[in-house]
């Protein structure tokens, strides 16, 4: 089965509601796709399954709950598209995880996400369901764009290694510790 993947849960800042509304608005063009939502299904300020039901999407939406990373990697690897319309992220690890597994990515044009994604993802306003819906359809219907995003994503993740992160962190600590008050 063909599917669009979201990893983030029902926390409102992960923005599942806008994603679901965008998907519902384009459901006529997304009939052959399911939307797989990974993460906590319930949050005191939102419920992924309830939102899907309210929008009449219960047949196209799968809410998995939390999954082990090995299962999430499998989903990233088989997703037709990864969508991460988060309103706020300190970094955005799911974007890099999806890219590392070869999924084309759509993510937010806010906070740290543009810096993480670079030109290897489509960036959208996370609060504009019309823009998000159009971006989803565009990627799914444009094979050339899908391939380009996959290739750029695989290159982009090479810039983010744990070794580089450790070296930069150490260099920053050394710089801060050597400064005189």
C-alpha atoms as a PDB file:
ATOM      1  CA  UNK A   1       0.000   0.000   0.000  1.00  0.00           C
ATOM      2  CA  UNK A   2       1.165   3.541  -0.736  1.00  0.00           C
ATOM      3  CA  UNK A   3       1.421   5.894   2.212  1.00  0.00           C
ATOM      4  CA  UNK A   4       2.423   9.286   3.526  1.00  0.00           C
ATOM      5  CA  UNK A   5       4.233   9.218   6.861  1.00  0.00           C
ATOM      6  CA  UNK A   6       4.131  11.605   9.821  1.00  0.00           C
ATOM      7  CA  UNK A   7       6.190  11.027  12.983  1.00  0.00           C
ATOM      8  CA  UNK A   8       5.474  13.277  15.913  1.00  0.00           C
ATOM      9  CA  UNK A   9       2.382  12.372  17.866  1.00  0.00           C
ATOM     10  CA  UNK A  10      -0.566  14.451  19.026  1.00  0.00           C
ATOM     11  CA  UNK A  11       1.432  17.240  20.686  1.00  0.00           C
ATOM     12  CA  UNK A  12      -0.076  20.390  19.127  1.00  0.00           C
ATOM     13  CA  UNK A  13       3.335  21.807  18.150  1.00  0.00           C
ATOM     14  CA  UNK A  14       3.861  18.791  15.890  1.00  0.00           C
ATOM     15  CA  UNK A  15       0.809  20.068  13.998  1.00  0.00           C
ATOM     16  CA  UNK A  16      -1.024  16.855  13.128  1.00  0.00           C
ATOM     17  CA  UNK A  17      -4.328  18.734  12.851  1.00  0.00           C
ATOM     18  CA  UNK A  18      -3.166  20.931   9.970  1.00  0.00           C
ATOM     19  CA  UNK A  19      -1.716  17.872   8.241  1.00  0.00           C
ATOM     20  CA  UNK A  20      -5.007  16.000   8.581  1.00  0.00           C
ATOM     21  CA  UNK A  21      -7.020  18.975   7.309  1.00  0.00           C
ATOM     22  CA  UNK A  22      -4.629  19.374   4.350  1.00  0.00           C
ATOM     23  CA  UNK A  23      -4.962  15.661   3.577  1.00  0.00           C
ATOM     24  CA  UNK A  24      -8.774  15.867   3.820  1.00  0.00           C
ATOM     25  CA  UNK A  25      -8.877  18.860   1.451  1.00  0.00           C
ATOM     26  CA  UNK A  26      -6.945  16.856  -1.141  1.00  0.00           C
ATOM     27  CA  UNK A  27      -8.533  13.467  -0.444  1.00  0.00           C
ATOM     28  CA  UNK A  28      -9.923  13.314  -3.986  1.00  0.00           C
ATOM     29  CA  UNK A  29      -6.341  13.379  -5.336  1.00  0.00           C
ATOM     30  CA  UNK A  30      -4.929  11.168  -2.567  1.00  0.00           C
ATOM     31  CA  UNK A  31      -7.370   8.232  -2.763  1.00  0.00           C
ATOM     32  CA  UNK A  32      -4.629   5.662  -3.312  1.00  0.00           C
ATOM     33  CA  UNK A  33      -2.659   6.810  -0.251  1.00  0.00           C
ATOM     34  CA  UNK A  34      -2.985   6.179   3.432  1.00  0.00           C
ATOM     35  CA  UNK A  35      -1.705   8.615   6.004  1.00  0.00           C
ATOM     36  CA  UNK A  36       0.317   6.852   8.702  1.00  0.00           C
ATOM     37  CA  UNK A  37       0.673   8.817  11.950  1.00  0.00           C
ATOM     38  CA  UNK A  38       3.333   7.630  14.392  1.00  0.00           C
ATOM     39  CA  UNK A  39       3.576   8.792  17.990  1.00  0.00           C
ATOM     40  CA  UNK A  40       1.311   9.320  20.955  1.00  0.00           C
ATOM     41  CA  UNK A  41      -2.254   9.246  19.655  1.00  0.00           C
ATOM     42  CA  UNK A  42      -3.679  11.249  22.559  1.00  0.00           C
ATOM     43  CA  UNK A  43      -2.570  14.546  24.070  1.00  0.00           C
ATOM     44  CA  UNK A  44      -4.486  16.759  26.456  1.00  0.00           C
ATOM     45  CA  UNK A  45      -4.760  19.349  23.651  1.00  0.00           C
ATOM     46  CA  UNK A  46      -5.383  17.030  20.716  1.00  0.00           C
ATOM     47  CA  UNK A  47      -6.189  13.522  19.568  1.00  0.00           C
ATOM     48  CA  UNK A  48      -4.984  12.275  16.184  1.00  0.00           C
ATOM     49  CA  UNK A  49      -7.593   9.546  15.786  1.00  0.00           C
ATOM     50  CA  UNK A  50     -10.467  11.793  16.824  1.00  0.00           C
ATOM     51  CA  UNK A  51      -9.350  14.509  14.390  1.00  0.00           C
ATOM     52  CA  UNK A  52      -9.160  11.925  11.581  1.00  0.00           C
ATOM     53  CA  UNK A  53     -12.689  10.692  12.404  1.00  0.00           C
ATOM     54  CA  UNK A  54     -14.056  14.236  12.544  1.00  0.00           C
ATOM     55  CA  UNK A  55     -12.677  14.832   9.033  1.00  0.00           C
ATOM     56  CA  UNK A  56     -14.082  11.534   7.714  1.00  0.00           C
ATOM     57  CA  UNK A  57     -10.618  10.044   7.196  1.00  0.00           C
ATOM     58  CA  UNK A  58     -10.830   6.999   9.441  1.00  0.00           C
ATOM     59  CA  UNK A  59     -10.426   4.641   6.447  1.00  0.00           C
ATOM     60  CA  UNK A  60      -7.322   6.388   5.123  1.00  0.00           C
ATOM     61  CA  UNK A  61      -5.559   7.192   8.399  1.00  0.00           C
ATOM     62  CA  UNK A  62      -3.582   4.736  10.497  1.00  0.00           C
ATOM     63  CA  UNK A  63      -2.500   5.838  13.980  1.00  0.00           C
ATOM     64  CA  UNK A  64       0.191   3.451  15.175  1.00  0.00           C
ATOM     65  CA  UNK A  65       1.003   4.925  18.564  1.00  0.00           C
ATOM     66  CA  UNK A  66       4.637   4.807  19.659  1.00  0.00           C
ATOM     67  CA  UNK A  67       6.868   2.379  17.769  1.00  0.00           C
ATOM     68  CA  UNK A  68      10.413   1.082  18.210  1.00  0.00           C
ATOM     69  CA  UNK A  69      12.983   2.890  16.061  1.00  0.00           C
ATOM     70  CA  UNK A  70      13.493  -0.216  13.922  1.00  0.00           C
ATOM     71  CA  UNK A  71       9.819  -0.119  12.897  1.00  0.00           C
ATOM     72  CA  UNK A  72       9.978   3.624  12.261  1.00  0.00           C
ATOM     73  CA  UNK A  73      13.021   3.142  10.021  1.00  0.00           C
ATOM     74  CA  UNK A  74      11.093   0.566   8.055  1.00  0.00           C
ATOM     75  CA  UNK A  75       8.220   3.009   7.619  1.00  0.00           C
ATOM     76  CA  UNK A  76      10.593   5.816   6.549  1.00  0.00           C
ATOM     77  CA  UNK A  77      12.155   3.467   4.005  1.00  0.00           C
ATOM     78  CA  UNK A  78       8.819   2.527   2.425  1.00  0.00           C
ATOM     79  CA  UNK A  79       6.986   5.854   2.653  1.00  0.00           C
ATOM     80  CA  UNK A  80       6.098   7.606  -0.574  1.00  0.00           C
ATOM     81  CA  UNK A  81       6.482  10.883   1.322  1.00  0.00           C
ATOM     82  CA  UNK A  82       7.416  12.075   4.808  1.00  0.00           C
ATOM     83  CA  UNK A  83       5.568  15.179   6.037  1.00  0.00           C
ATOM     84  CA  UNK A  84       6.687  17.035   9.167  1.00  0.00           C
ATOM     85  CA  UNK A  85       4.731  20.323   9.484  1.00  0.00           C
ATOM     86  CA  UNK A  86       5.934  21.096  13.005  1.00  0.00           C
ATOM     87  CA  UNK A  87       5.349  24.602  14.306  1.00  0.00           C
ATOM     88  CA  UNK A  88       8.380  24.527  16.595  1.00  0.00           C
ATOM     89  CA  UNK A  89      11.465  22.323  16.725  1.00  0.00           C
ATOM     90  CA  UNK A  90      14.756  22.757  18.493  1.00  0.00           C
ATOM     91  CA  UNK A  91      16.390  20.600  15.828  1.00  0.00           C
ATOM     92  CA  UNK A  92      14.173  18.256  13.792  1.00  0.00           C
ATOM     93  CA  UNK A  93      15.702  14.794  13.942  1.00  0.00           C
ATOM     94  CA  UNK A  94      12.754  13.100  12.148  1.00  0.00           C
ATOM     95  CA  UNK A  95      13.575  15.119   9.010  1.00  0.00           C
ATOM     96  CA  UNK A  96      17.120  13.731   8.925  1.00  0.00           C
ATOM     97  CA  UNK A  97      15.939  10.215   9.790  1.00  0.00           C
ATOM     98  CA  UNK A  98      13.504  10.277   6.860  1.00  0.00           C
ATOM     99  CA  UNK A  99      16.164  11.614   4.492  1.00  0.00           C
ATOM    100  CA  UNK A 100      18.649   8.960   5.629  1.00  0.00           C
ATOM    101  CA  UNK A 101      16.077   6.297   4.716  1.00  0.00           C
ATOM    102  CA  UNK A 102      15.449   7.777   1.279  1.00  0.00           C
ATOM    103  CA  UNK A 103      12.043   9.366   1.821  1.00  0.00           C
ATOM    104  CA  UNK A 104      11.217  12.639   0.068  1.00  0.00           C
ATOM    105  CA  UNK A 105      10.450  15.272   2.721  1.00  0.00           C
ATOM    106  CA  UNK A 106       8.066  18.190   3.203  1.00  0.00           C
ATOM    107  CA  UNK A 107       8.663  20.191   6.370  1.00  0.00           C
ATOM    108  CA  UNK A 108       8.061  23.587   7.961  1.00  0.00           C
ATOM    109  CA  UNK A 109       9.704  26.803   6.954  1.00  0.00           C
ATOM    110  CA  UNK A 110      10.084  27.748  10.632  1.00  0.00           C
ATOM    111  CA  UNK A 111      12.513  27.494  13.529  1.00  0.00           C
ATOM    112  CA  UNK A 112      15.389  25.041  13.023  1.00  0.00           C
ATOM    113  CA  UNK A 113      13.753  23.013  10.250  1.00  0.00           C
ATOM    114  CA  UNK A 114      14.920  25.054   7.218  1.00  0.00           C
ATOM    115  CA  UNK A 115      18.476  24.907   8.540  1.00  0.00           C
ATOM    116  CA  UNK A 116      18.268  21.149   9.030  1.00  0.00           C
ATOM    117  CA  UNK A 117      16.528  20.435   5.715  1.00  0.00           C
ATOM    118  CA  UNK A 118      18.455  22.866   3.517  1.00  0.00           C
ATOM    119  CA  UNK A 119      17.388  22.502  -0.104  1.00  0.00           C
ATOM    120  CA  UNK A 120      16.701  18.781   0.348  1.00  0.00           C
ATOM    121  CA  UNK A 121      13.034  19.244   1.320  1.00  0.00           C
ATOM    122  CA  UNK A 122      10.047  21.292   0.287  1.00  0.00           C
ATOM    123  CA  UNK A 123       9.494  23.956   2.927  1.00  0.00           C
ATOM    124  CA  UNK A 124       5.954  25.130   3.660  1.00  0.00           C
ATOM    125  CA  UNK A 125       4.122  27.399   6.060  1.00  0.00           C
ATOM    126  CA  UNK A 126       3.006  24.875   8.719  1.00  0.00           C
ATOM    127  CA  UNK A 127      -0.193  26.781   9.423  1.00  0.00           C
ATOM    128  CA  UNK A 128      -1.367  26.997   5.819  1.00  0.00           C
ATOM    129  CA  UNK A 129      -3.277  23.787   5.099  1.00  0.00           C
ATOM    130  CA  UNK A 130      -3.841  24.851   1.479  1.00  0.00           C
ATOM    131  CA  UNK A 131      -0.099  25.241   0.859  1.00  0.00           C
ATOM    132  CA  UNK A 132       0.647  21.997   2.678  1.00  0.00           C
ATOM    133  CA  UNK A 133      -1.980  20.077   0.720  1.00  0.00           C
ATOM    134  CA  UNK A 134      -0.696  21.401  -2.593  1.00  0.00           C
ATOM    135  CA  UNK A 135       2.884  20.495  -1.655  1.00  0.00           C
ATOM    136  CA  UNK A 136       1.828  16.929  -0.805  1.00  0.00           C
ATOM    137  CA  UNK A 137       0.045  16.485  -4.123  1.00  0.00           C
ATOM    138  CA  UNK A 138       2.915  18.111  -6.009  1.00  0.00           C
ATOM    139  CA  UNK A 139       5.521  15.727  -4.612  1.00  0.00           C
ATOM    140  CA  UNK A 140       3.360  12.646  -5.072  1.00  0.00           C
ATOM    141  CA  UNK A 141       2.488  13.521  -8.668  1.00  0.00           C
ATOM    142  CA  UNK A 142       5.954  14.667  -9.772  1.00  0.00           C
ATOM    143  CA  UNK A 143       8.297  11.677 -10.047  1.00  0.00           C
ATOM    144  CA  UNK A 144      11.246  13.911 -10.984  1.00  0.00           C
ATOM    145  CA  UNK A 145      10.736  15.995  -7.844  1.00  0.00           C
ATOM    146  CA  UNK A 146      10.511  12.831  -5.704  1.00  0.00           C
ATOM    147  CA  UNK A 147      13.809  11.526  -7.056  1.00  0.00           C
ATOM    148  CA  UNK A 148      15.497  14.911  -6.621  1.00  0.00           C
ATOM    149  CA  UNK A 149      14.323  15.210  -2.996  1.00  0.00           C
ATOM    150  CA  UNK A 150      15.481  11.664  -2.229  1.00  0.00           C
ATOM    151  CA  UNK A 151      18.928  12.262  -3.743  1.00  0.00           C
ATOM    152  CA  UNK A 152      19.381  15.646  -2.078  1.00  0.00           C
ATOM    153  CA  UNK A 153      18.196  14.183   1.236  1.00  0.00           C
ATOM    154  CA  UNK A 154      20.730  11.367   1.109  1.00  0.00           C
ATOM    155  CA  UNK A 155      23.471  13.947   0.467  1.00  0.00           C
ATOM    156  CA  UNK A 156      22.181  16.334   3.139  1.00  0.00           C
ATOM    157  CA  UNK A 157      22.332  13.783   5.966  1.00  0.00           C
ATOM    158  CA  UNK A 158      26.062  13.334   5.356  1.00  0.00           C
ATOM    159  CA  UNK A 159      26.533  16.811   6.834  1.00  0.00           C
ATOM    160  CA  UNK A 160      25.052  15.663  10.149  1.00  0.00           C
ATOM    161  CA  UNK A 161      27.140  12.997  11.848  1.00  0.00           C
ATOM    162  CA  UNK A 162      27.545  12.367  15.559  1.00  0.00           C
ATOM    163  CA  UNK A 163      31.298  12.814  15.145  1.00  0.00           C
ATOM    164  CA  UNK A 164      30.837  16.288  13.631  1.00  0.00           C
ATOM    165  CA  UNK A 165      28.381  17.196  16.374  1.00  0.00           C
ATOM    166  CA  UNK A 166      30.820  16.065  19.068  1.00  0.00           C
ATOM    167  CA  UNK A 167      33.731  17.983  17.496  1.00  0.00           C
ATOM    168  CA  UNK A 168      31.682  21.183  17.195  1.00  0.00           C
ATOM    169  CA  UNK A 169      30.404  20.867  20.743  1.00  0.00           C
ATOM    170  CA  UNK A 170      33.931  20.341  22.054  1.00  0.00           C
ATOM    171  CA  UNK A 171      35.216  23.322  20.056  1.00  0.00           C
ATOM    172  CA  UNK A 172      32.437  25.502  21.467  1.00  0.00           C
ATOM    173  CA  UNK A 173      33.199  24.407  25.040  1.00  0.00           C
ATOM    174  CA  UNK A 174      36.888  25.137  24.511  1.00  0.00           C
ATOM    175  CA  UNK A 175      36.093  28.566  23.113  1.00  0.00           C
ATOM    176  CA  UNK A 176      33.727  29.418  25.968  1.00  0.00           C
ATOM    177  CA  UNK A 177      36.123  28.138  28.633  1.00  0.00           C
ATOM    178  CA  UNK A 178      39.060  30.083  27.239  1.00  0.00           C
ATOM    179  CA  UNK A 179      37.249  33.445  27.232  1.00  0.00           C
ATOM    180  CA  UNK A 180      38.126  35.753  30.066  1.00  0.00           C
ATOM    181  CA  UNK A 181      35.308  37.442  31.999  1.00  0.00           C
END
